[in-house]
């Protein structure tokens, strides 16, 4: 079995969670999560708060710098993710298509590095 991360790429402003569309997406995503758990493919998943809640930390220099952000220059940003454990990339891609449909956003599939 191989672990893959399926990342959700939001485009545009952070969605208003009180809309009917958002509530329907939350329900569909919850049902998708339940299917992953029942199939034994679930490792971990999480949705992220809006970009303006992020804090950037840079410890590469002599002093650690902590600033508000990261501020994305892109129209796309990471909105959440799943970590799944499946047999191969084909299975991961099939699950990713289901996840994309459930959350209503494009997703990206990447395998984790081996030990």
C-alpha atoms as a PDB file:
ATOM      1  CA  UNK A   1       0.000   0.000   0.000  1.00  0.00           C
ATOM      2  CA  UNK A   2       1.109   3.550  -0.730  1.00  0.00           C
ATOM      3  CA  UNK A   3       0.054   6.791   0.900  1.00  0.00           C
ATOM      4  CA  UNK A   4      -1.020   9.694  -1.297  1.00  0.00           C
ATOM      5  CA  UNK A   5      -2.013  13.240  -0.483  1.00  0.00           C
ATOM      6  CA  UNK A   6      -5.002  14.606  -2.342  1.00  0.00           C
ATOM      7  CA  UNK A   7      -4.832  18.377  -1.999  1.00  0.00           C
ATOM      8  CA  UNK A   8      -7.823  20.617  -2.655  1.00  0.00           C
ATOM      9  CA  UNK A   9      -7.003  23.699  -4.712  1.00  0.00           C
ATOM     10  CA  UNK A  10      -9.474  26.494  -4.130  1.00  0.00           C
ATOM     11  CA  UNK A  11      -9.682  29.192  -6.776  1.00  0.00           C
ATOM     12  CA  UNK A  12     -10.833  32.698  -5.958  1.00  0.00           C
ATOM     13  CA  UNK A  13     -11.951  34.088  -2.619  1.00  0.00           C
ATOM     14  CA  UNK A  14     -12.431  31.842   0.392  1.00  0.00           C
ATOM     15  CA  UNK A  15     -15.952  30.403   0.115  1.00  0.00           C
ATOM     16  CA  UNK A  16     -18.679  31.638   2.440  1.00  0.00           C
ATOM     17  CA  UNK A  17     -19.451  28.555   4.583  1.00  0.00           C
ATOM     18  CA  UNK A  18     -23.033  29.695   5.259  1.00  0.00           C
ATOM     19  CA  UNK A  19     -24.239  29.384   1.650  1.00  0.00           C
ATOM     20  CA  UNK A  20     -26.410  26.492   0.505  1.00  0.00           C
ATOM     21  CA  UNK A  21     -23.708  25.545  -2.000  1.00  0.00           C
ATOM     22  CA  UNK A  22     -21.060  25.337   0.742  1.00  0.00           C
ATOM     23  CA  UNK A  23     -23.358  23.341   3.018  1.00  0.00           C
ATOM     24  CA  UNK A  24     -24.064  20.865   0.205  1.00  0.00           C
ATOM     25  CA  UNK A  25     -20.320  20.542  -0.429  1.00  0.00           C
ATOM     26  CA  UNK A  26     -19.679  19.918   3.280  1.00  0.00           C
ATOM     27  CA  UNK A  27     -22.333  17.185   3.320  1.00  0.00           C
ATOM     28  CA  UNK A  28     -20.982  15.527   0.165  1.00  0.00           C
ATOM     29  CA  UNK A  29     -17.426  15.707   1.507  1.00  0.00           C
ATOM     30  CA  UNK A  30     -18.545  14.184   4.812  1.00  0.00           C
ATOM     31  CA  UNK A  31     -20.172  11.282   2.960  1.00  0.00           C
ATOM     32  CA  UNK A  32     -16.999  10.837   0.879  1.00  0.00           C
ATOM     33  CA  UNK A  33     -14.912  10.787   4.080  1.00  0.00           C
ATOM     34  CA  UNK A  34     -17.183   8.114   5.554  1.00  0.00           C
ATOM     35  CA  UNK A  35     -16.729   5.941   2.430  1.00  0.00           C
ATOM     36  CA  UNK A  36     -12.940   6.255   2.716  1.00  0.00           C
ATOM     37  CA  UNK A  37     -13.062   5.243   6.385  1.00  0.00           C
ATOM     38  CA  UNK A  38     -15.330   2.270   5.721  1.00  0.00           C
ATOM     39  CA  UNK A  39     -13.026   1.093   2.906  1.00  0.00           C
ATOM     40  CA  UNK A  40      -9.945   1.346   5.161  1.00  0.00           C
ATOM     41  CA  UNK A  41      -8.338   3.928   2.834  1.00  0.00           C
ATOM     42  CA  UNK A  42      -8.564   6.900   5.235  1.00  0.00           C
ATOM     43  CA  UNK A  43      -5.377   8.035   6.971  1.00  0.00           C
ATOM     44  CA  UNK A  44      -6.091  11.689   7.740  1.00  0.00           C
ATOM     45  CA  UNK A  45      -7.873  14.704   6.278  1.00  0.00           C
ATOM     46  CA  UNK A  46      -8.393  18.328   7.130  1.00  0.00           C
ATOM     47  CA  UNK A  47      -9.788  21.583   5.843  1.00  0.00           C
ATOM     48  CA  UNK A  48      -7.835  24.772   6.319  1.00  0.00           C
ATOM     49  CA  UNK A  49      -8.939  28.172   7.571  1.00  0.00           C
ATOM     50  CA  UNK A  50      -8.711  31.169   5.172  1.00  0.00           C
ATOM     51  CA  UNK A  51      -5.294  32.400   4.013  1.00  0.00           C
ATOM     52  CA  UNK A  52      -5.476  35.469   6.238  1.00  0.00           C
ATOM     53  CA  UNK A  53      -5.197  33.207   9.304  1.00  0.00           C
ATOM     54  CA  UNK A  54      -1.768  31.880   8.234  1.00  0.00           C
ATOM     55  CA  UNK A  55       1.531  32.785   9.879  1.00  0.00           C
ATOM     56  CA  UNK A  56       4.838  32.489   7.999  1.00  0.00           C
ATOM     57  CA  UNK A  57       7.904  31.390   9.974  1.00  0.00           C
ATOM     58  CA  UNK A  58      11.413  31.629   8.486  1.00  0.00           C
ATOM     59  CA  UNK A  59      14.143  30.053  10.603  1.00  0.00           C
ATOM     60  CA  UNK A  60      16.783  29.871   7.866  1.00  0.00           C
ATOM     61  CA  UNK A  61      18.837  32.866   9.023  1.00  0.00           C
ATOM     62  CA  UNK A  62      20.363  33.844  12.327  1.00  0.00           C
ATOM     63  CA  UNK A  63      17.053  35.252  13.560  1.00  0.00           C
ATOM     64  CA  UNK A  64      13.656  33.633  13.232  1.00  0.00           C
ATOM     65  CA  UNK A  65      11.210  35.847  11.340  1.00  0.00           C
ATOM     66  CA  UNK A  66       7.483  35.520  12.041  1.00  0.00           C
ATOM     67  CA  UNK A  67       5.043  37.446   9.856  1.00  0.00           C
ATOM     68  CA  UNK A  68       1.398  37.434   8.910  1.00  0.00           C
ATOM     69  CA  UNK A  69       0.816  35.412   5.774  1.00  0.00           C
ATOM     70  CA  UNK A  70       1.603  33.545   3.600  1.00  0.00           C
ATOM     71  CA  UNK A  71      -0.059  35.785   1.091  1.00  0.00           C
ATOM     72  CA  UNK A  72      -0.700  33.993  -2.121  1.00  0.00           C
ATOM     73  CA  UNK A  73       0.159  35.719  -5.381  1.00  0.00           C
ATOM     74  CA  UNK A  74      -1.792  32.999  -7.148  1.00  0.00           C
ATOM     75  CA  UNK A  75      -5.508  32.567  -7.779  1.00  0.00           C
ATOM     76  CA  UNK A  76      -5.197  29.045  -6.339  1.00  0.00           C
ATOM     77  CA  UNK A  77      -4.521  28.141  -2.732  1.00  0.00           C
ATOM     78  CA  UNK A  78      -4.526  25.014  -0.597  1.00  0.00           C
ATOM     79  CA  UNK A  79      -7.934  24.684   1.021  1.00  0.00           C
ATOM     80  CA  UNK A  80      -7.632  21.232   2.541  1.00  0.00           C
ATOM     81  CA  UNK A  81      -6.410  17.706   1.905  1.00  0.00           C
ATOM     82  CA  UNK A  82      -6.829  13.988   2.380  1.00  0.00           C
ATOM     83  CA  UNK A  83      -4.131  11.436   3.061  1.00  0.00           C
ATOM     84  CA  UNK A  84      -5.161   8.035   1.765  1.00  0.00           C
ATOM     85  CA  UNK A  85      -3.559   4.589   1.760  1.00  0.00           C
ATOM     86  CA  UNK A  86      -4.249   2.633  -1.426  1.00  0.00           C
ATOM     87  CA  UNK A  87      -2.691  -0.013  -3.663  1.00  0.00           C
ATOM     88  CA  UNK A  88      -1.488   2.240  -6.498  1.00  0.00           C
ATOM     89  CA  UNK A  89      -1.757   5.509  -8.395  1.00  0.00           C
ATOM     90  CA  UNK A  90      -4.727   4.314 -10.444  1.00  0.00           C
ATOM     91  CA  UNK A  91      -6.746   3.747  -7.283  1.00  0.00           C
ATOM     92  CA  UNK A  92      -5.601   7.104  -5.874  1.00  0.00           C
ATOM     93  CA  UNK A  93      -6.736   8.887  -9.063  1.00  0.00           C
ATOM     94  CA  UNK A  94     -10.145   7.219  -8.941  1.00  0.00           C
ATOM     95  CA  UNK A  95     -10.593   8.324  -5.324  1.00  0.00           C
ATOM     96  CA  UNK A  96      -9.336  11.818  -6.179  1.00  0.00           C
ATOM     97  CA  UNK A  97     -12.024  12.158  -8.849  1.00  0.00           C
ATOM     98  CA  UNK A  98     -14.659  11.259  -6.260  1.00  0.00           C
ATOM     99  CA  UNK A  99     -13.160  13.733  -3.777  1.00  0.00           C
ATOM    100  CA  UNK A 100     -13.087  16.499  -6.373  1.00  0.00           C
ATOM    101  CA  UNK A 101     -16.740  15.931  -7.149  1.00  0.00           C
ATOM    102  CA  UNK A 102     -17.648  15.865  -3.447  1.00  0.00           C
ATOM    103  CA  UNK A 103     -15.856  19.089  -2.512  1.00  0.00           C
ATOM    104  CA  UNK A 104     -16.551  20.892  -5.792  1.00  0.00           C
ATOM    105  CA  UNK A 105     -12.917  21.864  -6.379  1.00  0.00           C
ATOM    106  CA  UNK A 106      -9.973  20.635  -8.431  1.00  0.00           C
ATOM    107  CA  UNK A 107      -7.555  18.364  -6.581  1.00  0.00           C
ATOM    108  CA  UNK A 108      -3.922  17.301  -6.972  1.00  0.00           C
ATOM    109  CA  UNK A 109      -2.623  13.795  -6.182  1.00  0.00           C
ATOM    110  CA  UNK A 110       0.949  13.281  -4.931  1.00  0.00           C
ATOM    111  CA  UNK A 111       2.576  10.185  -3.439  1.00  0.00           C
ATOM    112  CA  UNK A 112       4.544  10.436  -0.208  1.00  0.00           C
ATOM    113  CA  UNK A 113       8.260   9.683  -0.363  1.00  0.00           C
ATOM    114  CA  UNK A 114       9.340   6.239   0.728  1.00  0.00           C
ATOM    115  CA  UNK A 115      11.211   5.776   3.983  1.00  0.00           C
END
